[in-house]
Amino acid sequence: MADMSDPLPGSGVSFWTMAAAAVGSLLTLRTLVDSTPLTRAIAMISSWGLSFFATPGVTEWLGASHKQERILALVIAFLGANILAGLGTFGEKWRTDPQAAFAWLWSLWRGPPR
């Protein structure tokens, strides 16, 4: 029977940390909502990978416990997905209209037009 606390022996990442990273990559902000489905998928998969590989190092650097490691995985994946989707969406908008890309970027800071 598989041990649910260590799905990848020797990796230093527990099953629940991987689950937290997956949940964090699915949470959305406006950058993820404004992006295309392909950009969304790439951002979510990339942020999960980023969280998977970065969480053990960040946890060790901060001296965090195993419970805090799950929160760090969630936060790293959440921020990673939204930053990567934002960069992808900005790039897509830049290709068609650079001025609209900067207007979209400014609207992230100021909020949508009313």
N, C-alpha and C. Protein backbone atom coordinates (compact mmCIF):
# COMPACT_ATOMS: atom_id res chain seq x y z
N MET A 1 0.84 -1.18 0.00
CA MET A 1 0.00 0.00 0.00
C MET A 1 0.89 1.24 0.00
N ALA A 2 0.50 2.24 -0.76
CA ALA A 2 1.30 3.46 -0.88
C ALA A 2 1.17 4.32 0.37
N ASP A 3 2.24 4.97 0.70
CA ASP A 3 2.25 5.89 1.83
C ASP A 3 1.83 7.27 1.33
N MET A 4 0.67 7.77 1.78
CA MET A 4 0.13 9.04 1.29
C MET A 4 0.93 10.25 1.77
N SER A 5 1.77 10.06 2.75
CA SER A 5 2.53 11.20 3.26
C SER A 5 3.80 11.44 2.44
N ASP A 6 4.22 10.47 1.64
CA ASP A 6 5.43 10.64 0.83
C ASP A 6 5.26 9.90 -0.50
N PRO A 7 4.59 10.53 -1.49
CA PRO A 7 4.33 9.84 -2.74
C PRO A 7 5.56 9.69 -3.62
N LEU A 8 6.52 10.55 -3.45
CA LEU A 8 7.75 10.48 -4.23
C LEU A 8 8.92 10.32 -3.26
N PRO A 9 9.29 9.10 -2.92
CA PRO A 9 10.35 8.90 -1.93
C PRO A 9 11.63 9.63 -2.32
N GLY A 10 12.18 10.35 -1.36
CA GLY A 10 13.42 11.08 -1.58
C GLY A 10 13.23 12.48 -2.15
N SER A 11 12.00 12.84 -2.54
CA SER A 11 11.80 14.16 -3.13
C SER A 11 11.66 15.25 -2.08
N GLY A 12 11.23 14.88 -0.88
CA GLY A 12 11.06 15.87 0.18
C GLY A 12 9.73 16.59 0.10
N VAL A 13 8.81 16.12 -0.78
CA VAL A 13 7.52 16.76 -0.95
C VAL A 13 6.44 15.75 -0.59
N SER A 14 5.53 16.12 0.32
CA SER A 14 4.46 15.21 0.72
C SER A 14 3.28 15.32 -0.24
N PHE A 15 2.38 14.34 -0.16
CA PHE A 15 1.19 14.34 -1.00
C PHE A 15 0.35 15.58 -0.75
N TRP A 16 0.19 15.96 0.50
CA TRP A 16 -0.66 17.10 0.83
C TRP A 16 -0.06 18.42 0.38
N THR A 17 1.26 18.48 0.32
CA THR A 17 1.90 19.67 -0.23
C THR A 17 1.63 19.77 -1.73
N MET A 18 1.68 18.62 -2.41
CA MET A 18 1.38 18.62 -3.84
C MET A 18 -0.08 18.99 -4.07
N ALA A 19 -0.97 18.52 -3.21
CA ALA A 19 -2.39 18.87 -3.34
C ALA A 19 -2.61 20.36 -3.10
N ALA A 20 -1.91 20.93 -2.11
CA ALA A 20 -2.03 22.36 -1.85
C ALA A 20 -1.53 23.17 -3.04
N ALA A 21 -0.46 22.71 -3.66
CA ALA A 21 0.06 23.41 -4.84
C ALA A 21 -0.94 23.36 -5.98
N ALA A 22 -1.60 22.22 -6.16
CA ALA A 22 -2.60 22.10 -7.22
C ALA A 22 -3.79 23.03 -6.97
N VAL A 23 -4.24 23.10 -5.72
CA VAL A 23 -5.35 24.00 -5.39
C VAL A 23 -4.93 25.45 -5.59
N GLY A 24 -3.72 25.80 -5.18
CA GLY A 24 -3.23 27.17 -5.34
C GLY A 24 -3.15 27.58 -6.80
N SER A 25 -2.81 26.63 -7.67
CA SER A 25 -2.70 26.99 -9.09
C SER A 25 -4.07 27.13 -9.74
N LEU A 26 -5.13 26.64 -9.12
CA LEU A 26 -6.47 26.75 -9.68
C LEU A 26 -7.21 28.01 -9.23
N LEU A 27 -6.74 28.64 -8.14
CA LEU A 27 -7.37 29.87 -7.67
C LEU A 27 -7.11 30.97 -8.69
N THR A 28 -8.06 31.85 -8.87
CA THR A 28 -7.91 32.83 -9.94
C THR A 28 -8.01 34.26 -9.45
N LEU A 29 -7.29 35.09 -10.14
CA LEU A 29 -7.42 36.54 -10.05
C LEU A 29 -7.83 37.03 -11.43
N ARG A 30 -7.89 38.29 -11.59
CA ARG A 30 -8.32 38.85 -12.87
C ARG A 30 -7.35 38.51 -13.99
N THR A 31 -6.07 38.40 -13.69
CA THR A 31 -5.11 38.08 -14.76
C THR A 31 -5.40 36.73 -15.37
N LEU A 32 -5.82 35.78 -14.55
CA LEU A 32 -6.13 34.45 -15.08
C LEU A 32 -7.46 34.45 -15.81
N VAL A 33 -8.41 35.24 -15.37
CA VAL A 33 -9.72 35.30 -16.01
C VAL A 33 -9.61 35.99 -17.37
N ASP A 34 -8.77 36.99 -17.51
CA ASP A 34 -8.63 37.73 -18.77
C ASP A 34 -7.83 36.97 -19.82
N SER A 35 -7.15 35.90 -19.46
CA SER A 35 -6.27 35.21 -20.40
C SER A 35 -7.03 34.16 -21.21
N THR A 36 -6.39 33.70 -22.26
CA THR A 36 -6.98 32.67 -23.12
C THR A 36 -6.88 31.31 -22.42
N PRO A 37 -7.65 30.33 -22.85
CA PRO A 37 -7.58 29.01 -22.23
C PRO A 37 -6.19 28.38 -22.29
N LEU A 38 -5.47 28.56 -23.39
CA LEU A 38 -4.13 28.00 -23.50
C LEU A 38 -3.19 28.66 -22.50
N THR A 39 -3.25 29.98 -22.40
CA THR A 39 -2.42 30.70 -21.43
C THR A 39 -2.76 30.26 -20.01
N ARG A 40 -4.04 30.08 -19.73
CA ARG A 40 -4.48 29.61 -18.42
C ARG A 40 -3.90 28.25 -18.09
N ALA A 41 -3.99 27.33 -19.05
CA ALA A 41 -3.48 25.97 -18.82
C ALA A 41 -1.97 25.98 -18.61
N ILE A 42 -1.26 26.72 -19.43
CA ILE A 42 0.20 26.79 -19.28
C ILE A 42 0.57 27.42 -17.94
N ALA A 43 -0.14 28.48 -17.55
CA ALA A 43 0.16 29.14 -16.27
C ALA A 43 -0.12 28.21 -15.10
N MET A 44 -1.21 27.46 -15.14
CA MET A 44 -1.53 26.57 -14.02
C MET A 44 -0.54 25.42 -13.91
N ILE A 45 -0.19 24.81 -15.03
CA ILE A 45 0.76 23.71 -15.01
C ILE A 45 2.14 24.21 -14.58
N SER A 46 2.55 25.35 -15.10
CA SER A 46 3.85 25.91 -14.74
C SER A 46 3.91 26.31 -13.28
N SER A 47 2.83 26.89 -12.76
CA SER A 47 2.85 27.31 -11.36
C SER A 47 2.83 26.11 -10.43
N TRP A 48 2.15 25.03 -10.83
CA TRP A 48 2.20 23.82 -10.02
C TRP A 48 3.62 23.28 -9.98
N GLY A 49 4.30 23.26 -11.13
CA GLY A 49 5.69 22.80 -11.17
C GLY A 49 6.61 23.71 -10.36
N LEU A 50 6.39 25.02 -10.48
CA LEU A 50 7.17 25.97 -9.70
C LEU A 50 6.99 25.71 -8.21
N SER A 51 5.75 25.53 -7.80
CA SER A 51 5.46 25.27 -6.40
C SER A 51 6.05 23.94 -5.95
N PHE A 52 5.95 22.93 -6.80
CA PHE A 52 6.47 21.60 -6.47
C PHE A 52 7.97 21.65 -6.20
N PHE A 53 8.70 22.39 -7.03
CA PHE A 53 10.15 22.42 -6.87
C PHE A 53 10.64 23.50 -5.91
N ALA A 54 9.92 24.60 -5.78
CA ALA A 54 10.38 25.71 -4.94
C ALA A 54 9.98 25.57 -3.48
N THR A 55 8.88 24.89 -3.20
CA THR A 55 8.37 24.81 -1.83
C THR A 55 9.37 24.21 -0.85
N PRO A 56 10.02 23.07 -1.15
CA PRO A 56 10.96 22.53 -0.17
C PRO A 56 12.11 23.49 0.16
N GLY A 57 12.62 24.18 -0.85
CA GLY A 57 13.70 25.13 -0.62
C GLY A 57 13.27 26.33 0.20
N VAL A 58 12.10 26.87 -0.12
CA VAL A 58 11.58 28.03 0.62
C VAL A 58 11.26 27.63 2.05
N THR A 59 10.69 26.44 2.22
CA THR A 59 10.36 25.96 3.56
C THR A 59 11.62 25.81 4.41
N GLU A 60 12.65 25.25 3.82
CA GLU A 60 13.92 25.09 4.55
C GLU A 60 14.54 26.45 4.86
N TRP A 61 14.49 27.36 3.89
CA TRP A 61 15.08 28.68 4.06
C TRP A 61 14.38 29.45 5.18
N LEU A 62 13.04 29.32 5.25
CA LEU A 62 12.28 30.00 6.29
C LEU A 62 12.25 29.24 7.61
N GLY A 63 12.65 27.97 7.58
CA GLY A 63 12.59 27.15 8.79
C GLY A 63 11.16 26.82 9.17
N ALA A 64 10.31 26.63 8.18
CA ALA A 64 8.88 26.39 8.42
C ALA A 64 8.62 24.92 8.75
N SER A 65 7.48 24.68 9.39
CA SER A 65 7.08 23.31 9.73
C SER A 65 6.38 22.67 8.54
N HIS A 66 6.00 21.39 8.71
CA HIS A 66 5.31 20.68 7.63
C HIS A 66 3.95 21.29 7.34
N LYS A 67 3.25 21.77 8.34
CA LYS A 67 1.95 22.40 8.11
C LYS A 67 2.13 23.73 7.39
N GLN A 68 3.16 24.47 7.75
CA GLN A 68 3.42 25.73 7.08
C GLN A 68 3.89 25.50 5.64
N GLU A 69 4.50 24.35 5.39
CA GLU A 69 4.95 24.01 4.05
C GLU A 69 3.76 23.95 3.09
N ARG A 70 2.63 23.44 3.55
CA ARG A 70 1.44 23.35 2.71
C ARG A 70 0.91 24.74 2.36
N ILE A 71 0.95 25.63 3.33
CA ILE A 71 0.50 27.00 3.08
C ILE A 71 1.45 27.69 2.10
N LEU A 72 2.74 27.46 2.27
CA LEU A 72 3.71 28.04 1.33
C LEU A 72 3.49 27.50 -0.09
N ALA A 73 3.20 26.21 -0.22
CA ALA A 73 2.95 25.63 -1.54
C ALA A 73 1.73 26.28 -2.17
N LEU A 74 0.69 26.49 -1.39
CA LEU A 74 -0.53 27.13 -1.88
C LEU A 74 -0.25 28.55 -2.35
N VAL A 75 0.48 29.31 -1.56
CA VAL A 75 0.78 30.71 -1.89
C VAL A 75 1.70 30.81 -3.11
N ILE A 76 2.73 29.97 -3.16
CA ILE A 76 3.65 30.00 -4.30
C ILE A 76 2.92 29.67 -5.59
N ALA A 77 2.06 28.65 -5.57
CA ALA A 77 1.32 28.27 -6.77
C ALA A 77 0.31 29.35 -7.15
N PHE A 78 -0.37 29.93 -6.18
CA PHE A 78 -1.35 30.98 -6.44
C PHE A 78 -0.68 32.19 -7.09
N LEU A 79 0.39 32.66 -6.49
CA LEU A 79 1.08 33.81 -7.06
C LEU A 79 1.70 33.48 -8.41
N GLY A 80 2.28 32.29 -8.51
CA GLY A 80 2.91 31.89 -9.77
C GLY A 80 1.92 31.83 -10.91
N ALA A 81 0.74 31.25 -10.67
CA ALA A 81 -0.27 31.14 -11.73
C ALA A 81 -0.72 32.51 -12.19
N ASN A 82 -0.95 33.39 -11.26
CA ASN A 82 -1.45 34.71 -11.63
C ASN A 82 -0.38 35.58 -12.28
N ILE A 83 0.85 35.48 -11.84
CA ILE A 83 1.93 36.24 -12.46
C ILE A 83 2.20 35.72 -13.87
N LEU A 84 2.27 34.40 -14.02
CA LEU A 84 2.52 33.83 -15.34
C LEU A 84 1.37 34.11 -16.30
N ALA A 85 0.13 34.01 -15.83
CA ALA A 85 -1.02 34.33 -16.69
C ALA A 85 -1.02 35.82 -17.05
N GLY A 86 -0.64 36.67 -16.10
CA GLY A 86 -0.56 38.09 -16.39
C GLY A 86 0.48 38.41 -17.45
N LEU A 87 1.64 37.77 -17.35
CA LEU A 87 2.67 37.98 -18.37
C LEU A 87 2.21 37.47 -19.73
N GLY A 88 1.56 36.30 -19.75
CA GLY A 88 1.06 35.75 -21.00
C GLY A 88 -0.01 36.63 -21.63
N THR A 89 -0.94 37.11 -20.81
CA THR A 89 -2.01 37.97 -21.30
C THR A 89 -1.46 39.30 -21.80
N PHE A 90 -0.50 39.85 -21.07
CA PHE A 90 0.14 41.09 -21.51
C PHE A 90 0.82 40.88 -22.86
N GLY A 91 1.51 39.77 -23.03
CA GLY A 91 2.16 39.46 -24.30
C GLY A 91 1.18 39.32 -25.45
N GLU A 92 0.04 38.67 -25.18
CA GLU A 92 -0.99 38.52 -26.22
C GLU A 92 -1.56 39.88 -26.62
N LYS A 93 -1.83 40.71 -25.63
CA LYS A 93 -2.38 42.04 -25.91
C LYS A 93 -1.33 42.92 -26.60
N TRP A 94 -0.07 42.77 -26.24
CA TRP A 94 1.01 43.56 -26.83
C TRP A 94 1.13 43.27 -28.33
N ARG A 95 0.92 42.00 -28.70
CA ARG A 95 1.03 41.63 -30.11
C ARG A 95 0.03 42.38 -30.98
N THR A 96 -1.18 42.58 -30.48
CA THR A 96 -2.21 43.24 -31.29
C THR A 96 -2.22 44.75 -31.12
N ASP A 97 -2.07 45.22 -29.87
CA ASP A 97 -2.15 46.66 -29.61
C ASP A 97 -1.36 46.99 -28.34
N PRO A 98 -0.13 47.51 -28.50
CA PRO A 98 0.69 47.81 -27.31
C PRO A 98 0.04 48.79 -26.34
N GLN A 99 -0.67 49.77 -26.88
CA GLN A 99 -1.31 50.75 -25.99
C GLN A 99 -2.41 50.09 -25.15
N ALA A 100 -3.17 49.18 -25.76
CA ALA A 100 -4.21 48.46 -25.02
C ALA A 100 -3.58 47.54 -23.96
N ALA A 101 -2.39 47.03 -24.25
CA ALA A 101 -1.71 46.18 -23.27
C ALA A 101 -1.36 46.98 -22.02
N PHE A 102 -0.85 48.19 -22.22
CA PHE A 102 -0.52 49.02 -21.06
C PHE A 102 -1.78 49.50 -20.34
N ALA A 103 -2.85 49.75 -21.09
CA ALA A 103 -4.12 50.14 -20.47
C ALA A 103 -4.66 48.99 -19.62
N TRP A 104 -4.54 47.75 -20.11
CA TRP A 104 -4.97 46.58 -19.34
C TRP A 104 -4.12 46.43 -18.09
N LEU A 105 -2.82 46.62 -18.22
CA LEU A 105 -1.92 46.52 -17.07
C LEU A 105 -2.26 47.59 -16.03
N TRP A 106 -2.55 48.80 -16.47
CA TRP A 106 -2.91 49.88 -15.56
C TRP A 106 -4.24 49.57 -14.89
N SER A 107 -5.17 48.93 -15.62
CA SER A 107 -6.48 48.61 -15.03
C SER A 107 -6.36 47.55 -13.94
N LEU A 108 -5.30 46.74 -13.97
CA LEU A 108 -5.08 45.78 -12.88
C LEU A 108 -4.80 46.52 -11.58
N TRP A 109 -4.09 47.62 -11.68
CA TRP A 109 -3.74 48.41 -10.51
C TRP A 109 -4.93 49.25 -10.05
N ARG A 110 -5.60 49.90 -10.99
CA ARG A 110 -6.67 50.83 -10.68
C ARG A 110 -8.04 50.18 -10.55
N GLY A 111 -8.20 48.99 -11.10
CA GLY A 111 -9.51 48.34 -11.13
C GLY A 111 -10.16 48.55 -12.49
N PRO A 112 -11.20 47.79 -12.78
CA PRO A 112 -11.85 47.94 -14.09
C PRO A 112 -12.53 49.29 -14.21
N PRO A 113 -12.68 49.77 -15.46
CA PRO A 113 -13.36 51.06 -15.65
C PRO A 113 -14.82 50.97 -15.21
N ARG A 114 -15.31 52.06 -14.66
CA ARG A 114 -16.69 52.07 -14.15
C ARG A 114 -17.61 52.76 -15.10
